[in-house]
Amino acid sequence: MEPLEIKKYPQKILRKRCEPLEQITEREKMLFEQMLFTMRLFSGIGLAAPQVGIPEKIIVAEVEGEVVKLANPEIIGIKGADNLHEGCLSVPGLGVDVERPYEAIVKGFNANGQIVEIKAKGLLARVLQHEIDHLFGKLIIDYLPFWKMLRFRLKNKQHHHIKE
């Protein structure tokens, strides 16, 4: 299997709001597998479809051997708070302290097209929330204090040309 190309900030696809899926077909089942393969290859623990150039509500994650494949994921419950240093395959070389709920209940379609609810805690809850952020065009840099975000954007603009 060939890995998919990971889109990097500031590519515009990373800022798009993704479209929901109507159903899970063989195309989506294959996309779940390709995304999982790509995520593992680059030592990630989560990946969202816009990170591989597809503006659709699809995410994958793998934490401590638990694999999650979801289409149209939505957070329907949260509890607690936790602060952790996060990285992102689409924003390499940057780590950001992000406060998120410690527990999350996420609802979506699994790879078989069935509606499921995942009750996640700790790292898995964090990864699911991080990937769902991607579906709305939100990146870890958006959690930076304003002055750090400006500094990051200026530095990034000098080193990269924006491309689609």
Protein backbone atom coordinates (compact mmCIF):
# COMPACT_ATOMS: atom_id res chain seq x y z
CA MET A 1 0.00 0.00 0.00
CA GLU A 2 1.26 3.48 -0.86
CA PRO A 3 1.16 6.14 1.85
CA LEU A 4 -0.95 9.23 1.28
CA GLU A 5 0.71 12.65 1.15
CA ILE A 6 0.51 14.53 4.45
CA LYS A 7 -0.48 18.15 3.81
CA LYS A 8 1.56 20.65 5.79
CA TYR A 9 0.69 24.06 7.19
CA PRO A 10 0.00 26.55 5.53
CA GLN A 11 -1.68 24.49 2.77
CA LYS A 12 -5.24 25.78 2.40
CA ILE A 13 -6.96 22.37 2.66
CA LEU A 14 -6.04 22.34 6.36
CA ARG A 15 -8.29 25.36 6.97
CA LYS A 16 -11.38 24.04 5.16
CA ARG A 17 -14.54 22.90 6.90
CA CYS A 18 -15.07 19.31 5.81
CA GLU A 19 -18.19 17.80 4.28
CA PRO A 20 -20.13 15.01 6.00
CA LEU A 21 -20.43 11.63 4.31
CA GLU A 22 -23.78 10.23 3.22
CA GLN A 23 -22.70 6.61 3.60
CA ILE A 24 -19.71 4.31 3.95
CA THR A 25 -18.80 2.67 0.65
CA GLU A 26 -15.80 0.62 -0.45
CA ARG A 27 -14.04 3.93 -1.22
CA GLU A 28 -14.31 5.07 2.41
CA LYS A 29 -13.31 1.65 3.75
CA MET A 30 -10.18 1.80 1.60
CA LEU A 31 -9.54 5.40 2.68
CA PHE A 32 -9.72 4.35 6.37
CA GLU A 33 -7.05 1.71 5.68
CA GLN A 34 -4.82 4.08 3.67
CA MET A 35 -5.08 6.74 6.38
CA LEU A 36 -4.23 4.21 9.11
CA PHE A 37 -1.25 2.96 7.08
CA THR A 38 -0.03 6.54 6.48
CA MET A 39 -0.52 7.54 10.14
CA ARG A 40 1.48 4.54 11.35
CA LEU A 41 4.22 5.06 8.76
CA PHE A 42 4.79 8.62 10.02
CA SER A 43 4.52 7.53 13.70
CA GLY A 44 1.28 9.41 14.30
CA ILE A 45 -1.53 8.41 16.64
CA GLY A 46 -4.32 10.18 14.77
CA LEU A 47 -5.06 11.46 11.27
CA ALA A 48 -7.93 13.39 9.69
CA ALA A 49 -8.90 13.31 6.01
CA PRO A 50 -8.03 16.98 5.30
CA GLN A 51 -4.46 16.17 6.40
CA VAL A 52 -4.23 13.94 3.33
CA GLY A 53 -6.03 16.39 1.03
CA ILE A 54 -9.59 15.11 1.36
CA PRO A 55 -12.13 17.64 2.73
CA GLU A 56 -14.41 14.99 4.25
CA LYS A 57 -15.33 14.16 7.85
CA ILE A 58 -13.18 11.07 8.30
CA ILE A 59 -10.69 10.36 11.10
CA VAL A 60 -8.54 7.48 12.29
CA ALA A 61 -6.69 7.02 15.56
CA GLU A 62 -4.70 4.36 17.37
CA VAL A 63 -3.86 4.64 21.04
CA GLU A 64 -2.48 1.72 23.07
CA GLY A 65 -3.63 -0.78 20.44
CA GLU A 66 -7.18 0.60 20.22
CA VAL A 67 -7.96 1.51 16.61
CA VAL A 68 -10.73 4.00 15.85
CA LYS A 69 -12.11 4.64 12.36
CA LEU A 70 -14.92 7.19 12.24
CA ALA A 71 -16.86 9.12 9.63
CA ASN A 72 -18.90 12.19 10.62
CA PRO A 73 -17.53 12.14 14.18
CA GLU A 74 -19.08 14.54 16.65
CA ILE A 75 -18.41 15.14 20.31
CA ILE A 76 -21.63 14.58 22.24
CA GLY A 77 -20.26 14.70 25.78
CA ILE A 78 -17.19 15.95 27.63
CA LYS A 79 -15.95 15.87 31.19
CA GLY A 80 -12.93 17.05 33.15
CA ALA A 81 -9.90 18.97 31.96
CA ASP A 82 -6.36 18.05 31.10
CA ASN A 83 -3.37 19.95 29.70
CA LEU A 84 -0.87 18.16 27.48
CA HIS A 85 1.81 18.99 24.91
CA GLU A 86 0.46 18.11 21.43
CA GLY A 87 2.15 17.67 18.09
CA CYS A 88 0.69 17.32 14.62
CA LEU A 89 1.85 15.62 11.43
CA SER A 90 0.65 18.68 9.46
CA VAL A 91 2.59 21.13 11.63
CA PRO A 92 5.93 19.33 12.01
CA GLY A 93 8.42 20.56 14.55
CA LEU A 94 5.88 22.40 16.68
CA GLY A 95 4.52 21.31 20.04
CA VAL A 96 1.73 23.20 21.76
CA ASP A 97 0.30 22.91 25.27
CA VAL A 98 -3.43 22.37 24.77
CA GLU A 99 -6.12 22.16 27.42
CA ARG A 100 -8.91 19.76 26.47
CA PRO A 101 -11.58 17.77 28.29
CA TYR A 102 -10.12 14.59 29.83
CA GLU A 103 -13.12 12.49 28.76
CA ALA A 104 -15.12 12.65 25.55
CA ILE A 105 -18.02 10.74 24.08
CA VAL A 106 -17.75 10.72 20.30
CA LYS A 107 -20.51 9.55 17.97
CA GLY A 108 -20.06 8.68 14.30
CA PHE A 109 -20.20 5.96 11.66
CA ASN A 110 -17.69 3.13 11.92
CA ALA A 111 -16.08 1.45 8.89
CA ASN A 112 -19.16 -0.77 8.52
CA GLY A 113 -21.50 2.21 8.35
CA GLN A 114 -22.97 1.58 11.81
CA ILE A 115 -23.56 4.45 14.23
CA VAL A 116 -21.30 4.01 17.25
CA GLU A 117 -20.51 5.93 20.42
CA ILE A 118 -16.97 5.82 21.76
CA LYS A 119 -16.43 6.72 25.41
CA ALA A 120 -12.80 7.78 25.57
CA LYS A 121 -10.54 8.99 28.39
CA GLY A 122 -7.06 10.44 28.54
CA LEU A 123 -4.91 10.24 25.43
CA LEU A 124 -7.57 8.64 23.19
CA ALA A 125 -10.09 11.35 24.13
CA ARG A 126 -7.44 13.98 23.33
CA VAL A 127 -6.54 12.43 19.97
CA LEU A 128 -10.19 12.21 18.91
CA GLN A 129 -10.75 15.87 19.84
CA HIS A 130 -7.57 16.90 18.00
CA GLU A 131 -8.65 15.07 14.83
CA ILE A 132 -12.19 16.46 15.00
CA ASP A 133 -10.64 19.95 15.21
CA HIS A 134 -9.05 19.26 11.80
CA LEU A 135 -12.50 18.66 10.30
CA PHE A 136 -13.37 22.27 11.11
CA GLY A 137 -10.07 23.74 9.89
CA LYS A 138 -8.65 24.15 13.40
CA LEU A 139 -4.96 23.44 14.02
CA ILE A 140 -2.79 23.26 17.13
CA ILE A 141 -1.34 26.68 16.29
CA ASP A 142 -4.79 28.10 17.07
CA TYR A 143 -4.16 27.17 20.72
CA LEU A 144 -0.98 29.25 20.88
CA PRO A 145 -1.04 32.57 22.71
CA PHE A 146 -1.58 35.36 20.15
CA TRP A 147 2.03 36.62 20.11
CA LYS A 148 3.43 33.09 19.68
CA MET A 149 0.99 32.42 16.83
CA LEU A 150 2.09 35.61 15.07
CA ARG A 151 5.74 34.68 15.51
CA PHE A 152 5.07 31.16 14.18
CA ARG A 153 3.16 32.47 11.15
CA LEU A 154 5.85 35.01 10.29
CA LYS A 155 8.62 32.42 10.61
CA ASN A 156 6.58 29.92 8.58
CA LYS A 157 5.81 32.42 5.80
CA GLN A 158 9.52 33.12 5.35
CA HIS A 159 10.35 29.42 4.91
CA HIS A 160 7.40 28.13 2.87
CA HIS A 161 5.47 29.07 -0.21
CA ILE A 162 1.72 28.61 0.14
CA LYS A 163 0.42 25.95 -2.22
CA GLU A 164 -2.91 24.23 -2.69
